[in-house]
Amino acid sequence: MDHLFSPYKIKGLDLKNRIMMPPMCQYSVKKKDGIATDWHYLHYVNRAIGGTSFIIIEMTDVEPDGRITDYDLGLWSDDQIPALARIVEACHRYGAKVGIQIAHAGRKAEDAEVPVAPSAIPFDKKSKTPRALSTDEVKEMVKKFRRAVQRAVKAGVDAIEIHGAHGYLIHQFHSPLTNKREDEYGKDLTKFGREIIEVAKAEIPEDMPLIMRISAKEYVEGGYGINESIEFAKDYQEAGVDMFHISSGGEGPIGAGGRPGTHAGYQVPLAREIRKALNVPVIAVGRLDDPALANAVIGNEDADLVAVGRGMLRNPHWALEAASTLKRETTVPKQYADGFRR
């Protein structure tokens, strides 16, 4: 039976365990140039030292106005490649593989003078009203994603994650709540996402997995649920997604559609349903900080990898602690061996 410290392989990505650090924005680019800083280097490399097998670098945007804030990472310029390559190389040195999340915030770009979106619908009453992208601009946006993926590959990453969740631009296109277009990108809600997947696949090595993060459920009145997300995920799978990272929400102020769970593992059933319906590898995320629970998610075959977010913000050595708690063997840096000796 597989467990949290079983090795895992998908295409050319070999992982020593099932523990992943999900992308979490650090909002720490003080120069606002999109270039990773020493903070990012220390943040990610510490988790590699701490036993995490797979680290996905935070939301990294395809153009300046695609950032949630001006303090986010970017990959719209070759100048941004070296700092990321330095992080990837160091994480490799300490036994972790590295992915990167490529994204555009769309109408949730807080610092953009005029955000862009599929349709001119603001996120909430306090947000700026976005400008609807023209059809030609949508096609150019696909090219921007392609160029960002090219740069990520040059930086040496082991996997690409396309961000199609949390109410950001791709999510905005495939949600009927936010896509009211009358052109080809409105008549076919997954067309934008599929085109990004296709150009990403064209740029990455054949053995590199392409991951997509999706919100499998919306929490606003009239929002889609698991049945609808299974259908659009099928479109994305056919376009070339190798693995789905299953989250939920983020599309708007929470209304009559219900509230997201606050209990441990509240999104695991969504991951299980996607995995079963599509026969595709999935990553589970959301309040999985308890090692016993994370281990059960793998042992019960609810997901193939477990992403631990808040737990790793608190403790960069979460994976080492989990091995000790679960009494599983793992490699502990010799400098820390005394701290983990039973």
Protein backbone atom coordinates (compact mmCIF):
# COMPACT_ATOMS: atom_id res chain seq x y z
CA MET A 1 0.00 0.00 0.00
CA ASP A 2 1.29 3.46 -0.89
CA HIS A 3 1.86 6.00 1.85
CA LEU A 4 3.10 9.57 2.25
CA PHE A 5 6.73 8.50 1.88
CA SER A 6 6.30 6.19 -1.08
CA PRO A 7 8.17 7.34 -4.18
CA TYR A 8 6.12 8.59 -7.11
CA LYS A 9 6.78 9.01 -10.82
CA ILE A 10 4.79 10.80 -13.50
CA LYS A 11 6.42 10.93 -16.92
CA GLY A 12 9.99 12.14 -16.32
CA LEU A 13 9.31 13.53 -12.86
CA ASP A 14 10.68 11.21 -10.16
CA LEU A 15 9.72 12.16 -6.60
CA LYS A 16 11.13 10.67 -3.41
CA ASN A 17 7.83 11.06 -1.53
CA ARG A 18 4.26 12.29 -2.02
CA ILE A 19 4.71 15.62 -0.23
CA MET A 20 4.40 18.80 -2.24
CA MET A 21 4.60 22.48 -1.37
CA PRO A 22 1.86 24.30 -3.30
CA PRO A 23 2.36 27.73 -4.85
CA MET A 24 1.79 30.48 -2.29
CA CYS A 25 2.39 34.11 -3.23
CA GLN A 26 5.03 35.81 -1.09
CA TYR A 27 4.38 39.38 -2.32
CA SER A 28 8.07 40.06 -1.76
CA VAL A 29 9.45 41.58 -4.98
CA LYS A 30 10.23 44.97 -3.48
CA LYS A 31 11.67 46.37 -6.71
CA LYS A 32 8.42 45.47 -8.52
CA ASP A 33 10.41 44.06 -11.43
CA GLY A 34 9.12 40.49 -11.17
CA ILE A 35 12.58 39.13 -10.35
CA ALA A 36 12.91 36.59 -7.53
CA THR A 37 14.84 37.86 -4.51
CA ASP A 38 16.94 36.38 -1.71
CA TRP A 39 13.69 35.92 0.22
CA HIS A 40 12.37 33.61 -2.49
CA TYR A 41 15.67 31.73 -2.62
CA LEU A 42 15.69 31.09 1.13
CA HIS A 43 11.97 30.34 1.24
CA TYR A 44 12.07 27.59 -1.39
CA VAL A 45 15.48 26.10 -0.66
CA ASN A 46 14.62 25.73 3.03
CA ARG A 47 11.67 23.52 2.09
CA ALA A 48 13.95 21.41 -0.11
CA ILE A 49 16.33 20.96 2.82
CA GLY A 50 13.28 20.14 4.95
CA GLY A 51 12.43 17.03 2.95
CA THR A 52 9.74 18.23 0.54
CA SER A 53 9.97 16.23 -2.67
CA PHE A 54 8.20 18.65 -5.00
CA ILE A 55 8.00 22.44 -4.74
CA ILE A 56 5.85 24.57 -7.02
CA ILE A 57 7.05 28.16 -7.19
CA GLU A 58 4.30 30.67 -6.56
CA MET A 59 2.04 32.28 -9.15
CA THR A 60 4.37 33.79 -11.75
CA ASP A 61 2.76 36.10 -14.25
CA VAL A 62 2.97 36.47 -18.00
CA GLU A 63 2.79 40.29 -18.07
CA PRO A 64 3.16 43.12 -15.53
CA ASP A 65 -0.58 43.81 -15.38
CA GLY A 66 -1.20 40.10 -14.89
CA ARG A 67 0.09 40.24 -11.32
CA ILE A 68 -2.21 40.23 -8.31
CA THR A 69 0.07 42.98 -6.96
CA ASP A 70 3.20 44.65 -8.25
CA TYR A 71 5.17 42.65 -5.65
CA ASP A 72 4.60 39.33 -7.48
CA LEU A 73 6.96 37.26 -9.60
CA GLY A 74 6.96 37.46 -13.39
CA LEU A 75 8.22 35.67 -16.48
CA TRP A 76 7.54 38.26 -19.15
CA SER A 77 11.26 39.04 -19.56
CA ASP A 78 14.45 37.04 -20.01
CA ASP A 79 15.89 39.15 -17.18
CA GLN A 80 13.71 37.15 -14.80
CA ILE A 81 15.19 33.75 -15.73
CA PRO A 82 18.54 33.74 -13.82
CA ALA A 83 17.08 34.28 -10.34
CA LEU A 84 14.61 31.46 -10.86
CA ALA A 85 17.33 29.19 -12.27
CA ARG A 86 19.37 29.80 -9.12
CA ILE A 87 16.46 28.64 -6.96
CA VAL A 88 15.81 25.56 -9.09
CA GLU A 89 19.48 24.52 -9.06
CA ALA A 90 19.73 24.85 -5.27
CA CYS A 91 16.51 22.90 -4.66
CA HIS A 92 17.83 20.14 -6.90
CA ARG A 93 21.02 20.08 -4.87
CA TYR A 94 18.97 19.31 -1.76
CA GLY A 95 16.85 16.59 -3.32
CA ALA A 96 13.67 18.41 -4.38
CA LYS A 97 12.10 18.77 -7.81
CA VAL A 98 10.66 22.14 -8.80
CA GLY A 99 7.65 23.26 -10.78
CA ILE A 100 6.38 26.77 -11.42
CA GLN A 101 2.85 28.13 -11.68
CA ILE A 102 2.27 30.26 -14.78
CA ALA A 103 -0.67 32.63 -14.53
CA HIS A 104 -2.50 35.87 -15.16
CA ALA A 105 -4.73 37.44 -12.52
CA GLY A 106 -7.22 38.94 -14.97
CA ARG A 107 -9.81 41.07 -13.19
CA LYS A 108 -8.12 40.30 -9.82
CA ALA A 109 -4.99 42.30 -10.77
CA GLU A 110 -5.19 44.81 -7.95
CA ASP A 111 -2.42 47.17 -9.08
CA ALA A 112 -3.25 47.25 -12.78
CA GLU A 113 -4.64 50.64 -13.74
CA VAL A 114 -7.33 48.89 -15.77
CA PRO A 115 -7.44 45.10 -15.30
CA VAL A 116 -8.43 42.87 -18.20
CA ALA A 117 -10.91 40.01 -18.23
CA PRO A 118 -13.14 38.00 -20.56
CA SER A 119 -15.98 40.43 -19.80
CA ALA A 120 -16.25 43.79 -18.05
CA ILE A 121 -17.50 42.37 -14.74
CA PRO A 122 -15.75 43.47 -11.53
CA PHE A 123 -14.79 40.95 -8.84
CA ASP A 124 -16.78 42.82 -6.18
CA LYS A 125 -18.07 46.31 -5.35
CA LYS A 126 -14.64 47.41 -4.13
CA SER A 127 -12.76 46.19 -7.21
CA LYS A 128 -11.94 47.99 -10.44
CA THR A 129 -14.15 47.24 -13.41
CA PRO A 130 -12.00 45.33 -15.91
CA ARG A 131 -11.80 45.90 -19.62
CA ALA A 132 -12.95 43.03 -21.81
CA LEU A 133 -10.13 41.70 -23.96
CA SER A 134 -10.66 41.85 -27.71
CA THR A 135 -10.47 38.58 -29.64
CA ASP A 136 -7.04 39.54 -30.98
CA GLU A 137 -5.86 40.39 -27.46
CA VAL A 138 -6.98 36.97 -26.22
CA LYS A 139 -4.91 35.34 -28.94
CA GLU A 140 -1.93 37.50 -27.98
CA MET A 141 -2.43 36.50 -24.34
CA VAL A 142 -2.04 32.85 -25.35
CA LYS A 143 1.30 33.80 -26.90
CA LYS A 144 2.34 35.50 -23.65
CA PHE A 145 1.67 32.28 -21.77
CA ARG A 146 3.73 30.43 -24.36
CA ARG A 147 6.70 32.76 -23.95
CA ALA A 148 6.50 32.47 -20.16
CA VAL A 149 6.60 28.67 -20.41
CA GLN A 150 9.63 28.95 -22.71
CA ARG A 151 11.43 30.98 -20.06
CA ALA A 152 10.45 28.57 -17.29
CA VAL A 153 11.96 25.70 -19.26
CA LYS A 154 15.15 27.72 -19.69
CA ALA A 155 15.21 28.20 -15.91
CA GLY A 156 15.42 24.42 -15.54
CA VAL A 157 12.09 23.58 -13.91
CA ASP A 158 10.89 19.98 -13.74
CA ALA A 159 7.20 20.69 -14.35
CA ILE A 160 4.83 23.46 -15.39
CA GLU A 161 1.58 24.24 -13.61
CA ILE A 162 -1.02 26.32 -15.45
CA HIS A 163 -3.20 28.30 -13.03
CA GLY A 164 -6.83 27.77 -13.94
CA ALA A 165 -8.25 28.26 -10.44
CA HIS A 166 -9.12 30.83 -7.77
CA GLY A 167 -10.91 33.27 -10.05
CA TYR A 168 -7.87 34.21 -12.12
CA LEU A 169 -7.92 34.70 -15.89
CA ILE A 170 -8.28 31.12 -17.15
CA HIS A 171 -10.91 30.43 -14.50
CA GLN A 172 -12.70 33.62 -15.58
CA PHE A 173 -12.88 32.29 -19.14
CA HIS A 174 -14.31 28.86 -18.27
CA SER A 175 -16.85 30.13 -15.75
CA PRO A 176 -20.27 31.17 -17.10
CA LEU A 177 -20.41 33.72 -14.27
CA THR A 178 -17.55 35.76 -15.68
CA ASN A 179 -17.49 34.94 -19.40
CA LYS A 180 -20.32 36.69 -21.24
CA ARG A 181 -18.46 37.00 -24.55
CA GLU A 182 -20.12 36.52 -27.93
CA ASP A 183 -16.98 35.59 -29.88
CA GLU A 184 -15.32 32.17 -30.21
CA TYR A 185 -13.99 32.43 -26.64
CA GLY A 186 -17.50 32.91 -25.31
CA LYS A 187 -19.18 30.23 -27.38
CA ASP A 188 -16.54 27.72 -26.23
CA LEU A 189 -15.68 28.43 -22.59
CA THR A 190 -12.61 26.16 -22.44
CA LYS A 191 -11.07 27.35 -25.71
CA PHE A 192 -8.73 29.86 -24.03
CA GLY A 193 -7.50 27.34 -21.48
CA ARG A 194 -7.09 24.62 -24.11
CA GLU A 195 -5.04 26.89 -26.34
CA ILE A 196 -2.72 27.73 -23.43
CA ILE A 197 -2.32 24.04 -22.65
CA GLU A 198 -1.52 23.27 -26.28
CA VAL A 199 1.17 25.93 -26.60
CA ALA A 200 2.64 24.92 -23.24
CA LYS A 201 2.86 21.29 -24.39
CA ALA A 202 4.62 22.46 -27.54
CA GLU A 203 7.31 24.19 -25.47
CA ILE A 204 8.06 21.66 -22.74
CA PRO A 205 10.13 18.48 -23.12
CA GLU A 206 8.05 15.42 -23.99
CA ASP A 207 8.74 13.79 -20.63
CA MET A 208 7.86 16.89 -18.56
CA PRO A 209 4.42 16.73 -16.90
CA LEU A 210 1.97 19.57 -17.41
CA ILE A 211 -0.15 20.24 -14.33
CA MET A 212 -3.26 22.38 -14.16
CA ARG A 213 -4.75 23.83 -11.02
CA ILE A 214 -8.52 24.14 -11.09
CA SER A 215 -11.25 25.24 -8.74
CA ALA A 216 -13.51 22.19 -8.78
CA LYS A 217 -16.34 24.08 -7.11
CA GLU A 218 -17.49 27.69 -6.99
CA TYR A 219 -19.05 29.14 -3.85
CA VAL A 220 -21.25 31.86 -5.33
CA GLU A 221 -24.90 31.71 -6.29
CA GLY A 222 -25.19 30.13 -9.73
CA GLY A 223 -21.60 28.88 -9.61
CA TYR A 224 -20.58 25.54 -11.07
CA GLY A 225 -20.03 22.38 -9.05
CA ILE A 226 -18.16 19.11 -9.33
CA ASN A 227 -20.19 17.79 -12.28
CA GLU A 228 -19.42 20.85 -14.38
CA SER A 229 -15.76 20.89 -13.39
CA ILE A 230 -15.41 17.24 -14.39
CA GLU A 231 -16.66 18.17 -17.84
CA PHE A 232 -14.32 21.12 -18.38
CA ALA A 233 -11.43 19.14 -16.88
CA LYS A 234 -12.04 16.51 -19.56
CA ASP A 235 -11.52 19.19 -22.19
CA TYR A 236 -8.27 20.23 -20.55
CA GLN A 237 -7.13 16.62 -20.19
CA GLU A 238 -7.73 16.01 -23.89
CA ALA A 239 -5.72 19.16 -24.67
CA GLY A 240 -2.72 17.74 -22.81
CA VAL A 241 -2.96 18.11 -19.02
CA ASP A 242 -1.15 15.23 -17.29
CA MET A 243 -2.18 15.98 -13.70
CA PHE A 244 -4.76 18.17 -11.95
CA HIS A 245 -4.20 20.15 -8.76
CA ILE A 246 -7.64 20.30 -7.14
CA SER A 247 -8.66 23.41 -5.22
CA SER A 248 -11.93 25.37 -5.08
CA GLY A 249 -13.42 28.84 -4.88
CA GLY A 250 -11.90 32.25 -5.46
CA GLU A 251 -14.32 33.35 -8.17
CA GLY A 252 -16.16 36.04 -6.24
CA PRO A 253 -17.70 37.10 -2.93
CA ILE A 254 -19.21 34.05 -1.27
CA GLY A 255 -22.98 34.03 -1.57
CA ALA A 256 -25.88 31.62 -1.64
CA GLY A 257 -23.75 29.00 -3.34
CA GLY A 258 -22.43 28.01 0.08
CA ARG A 259 -19.24 28.48 2.01
CA PRO A 260 -15.98 26.60 1.59
CA GLY A 261 -15.28 24.07 4.31
CA THR A 262 -13.18 24.92 7.30
CA HIS A 263 -12.56 21.34 8.38
CA ALA A 264 -9.41 19.37 7.66
CA GLY A 265 -9.32 17.83 4.20
CA TYR A 266 -12.46 19.63 2.99
CA GLN A 267 -11.33 19.57 -0.65
CA VAL A 268 -10.22 15.93 -0.72
CA PRO A 269 -13.63 14.66 -1.96
CA LEU A 270 -13.30 16.96 -4.98
CA ALA A 271 -9.85 15.54 -5.78
CA ARG A 272 -11.21 12.01 -5.39
CA GLU A 273 -14.08 12.68 -7.80
CA ILE A 274 -11.84 14.19 -10.48
CA ARG A 275 -9.35 11.34 -10.13
CA LYS A 276 -12.06 8.72 -10.48
CA ALA A 277 -14.01 10.36 -13.31
CA LEU A 278 -11.01 11.12 -15.51
CA ASN A 279 -8.66 8.32 -14.41
CA VAL A 280 -6.01 11.01 -14.05
CA PRO A 281 -3.39 11.73 -11.35
CA VAL A 282 -4.40 14.48 -8.94
CA ILE A 283 -2.94 16.61 -6.17
CA ALA A 284 -5.06 17.18 -3.06
CA VAL A 285 -4.72 20.43 -1.13
CA GLY A 286 -6.49 22.24 1.69
CA ARG A 287 -5.95 21.87 5.45
CA LEU A 288 -3.87 18.70 5.18
CA ASP A 289 -1.32 19.72 7.80
CA ASP A 290 -1.87 16.66 10.00
CA PRO A 291 0.62 13.97 8.84
CA ALA A 292 -1.84 11.17 9.67
CA LEU A 293 -4.52 12.77 7.51
CA ALA A 294 -2.09 13.47 4.66
CA ASN A 295 -0.93 9.86 4.87
CA ALA A 296 -4.54 8.61 4.75
CA VAL A 297 -5.24 10.63 1.58
CA ILE A 298 -2.48 8.69 -0.17
CA GLY A 299 -3.27 5.33 1.45
CA ASN A 300 -6.97 5.61 0.58
CA GLU A 301 -6.07 6.47 -3.04
CA ASP A 302 -7.92 9.78 -2.89
CA ALA A 303 -4.96 11.55 -4.51
CA ASP A 304 -1.47 10.88 -5.80
CA LEU A 305 0.27 13.81 -4.10
CA VAL A 306 -0.57 15.90 -1.06
CA ALA A 307 0.11 19.66 -1.03
CA VAL A 308 0.81 21.14 2.40
CA GLY A 309 0.57 24.93 2.45
CA ARG A 310 0.02 26.54 5.83
CA GLY A 311 1.92 23.74 7.55
CA MET A 312 5.02 24.51 5.51
CA LEU A 313 4.70 28.23 6.11
CA ARG A 314 4.91 27.44 9.81
CA ASN A 315 7.57 24.77 9.52
CA PRO A 316 9.92 24.41 6.54
CA HIS A 317 10.85 20.95 7.85
CA TRP A 318 7.25 19.69 7.85
CA ALA A 319 8.19 16.63 5.79
CA LEU A 320 10.92 15.60 8.23
CA GLU A 321 8.53 16.04 11.16
CA ALA A 322 5.89 13.99 9.33
CA ALA A 323 8.34 11.14 8.79
CA SER A 324 9.16 11.15 12.49
CA THR A 325 5.49 11.24 13.48
CA LEU A 326 4.56 8.42 11.09
CA LYS A 327 7.72 6.46 11.85
CA ARG A 328 8.72 6.37 8.20
CA GLU A 329 12.25 6.40 6.88
CA THR A 330 13.44 9.50 5.08
CA THR A 331 16.77 11.20 4.49
CA VAL A 332 17.55 13.76 7.18
CA PRO A 333 20.41 16.23 6.56
CA LYS A 334 23.32 15.12 8.70
CA GLN A 335 23.46 18.58 10.27
CA TYR A 336 19.94 18.00 11.67
CA ALA A 337 20.21 14.29 12.46
CA ASP A 338 20.35 14.74 16.21
CA GLY A 339 17.06 16.60 16.16
CA PHE A 340 15.25 13.69 14.53
CA ARG A 341 16.94 10.75 16.24
CA ARG A 342 14.33 8.61 17.99
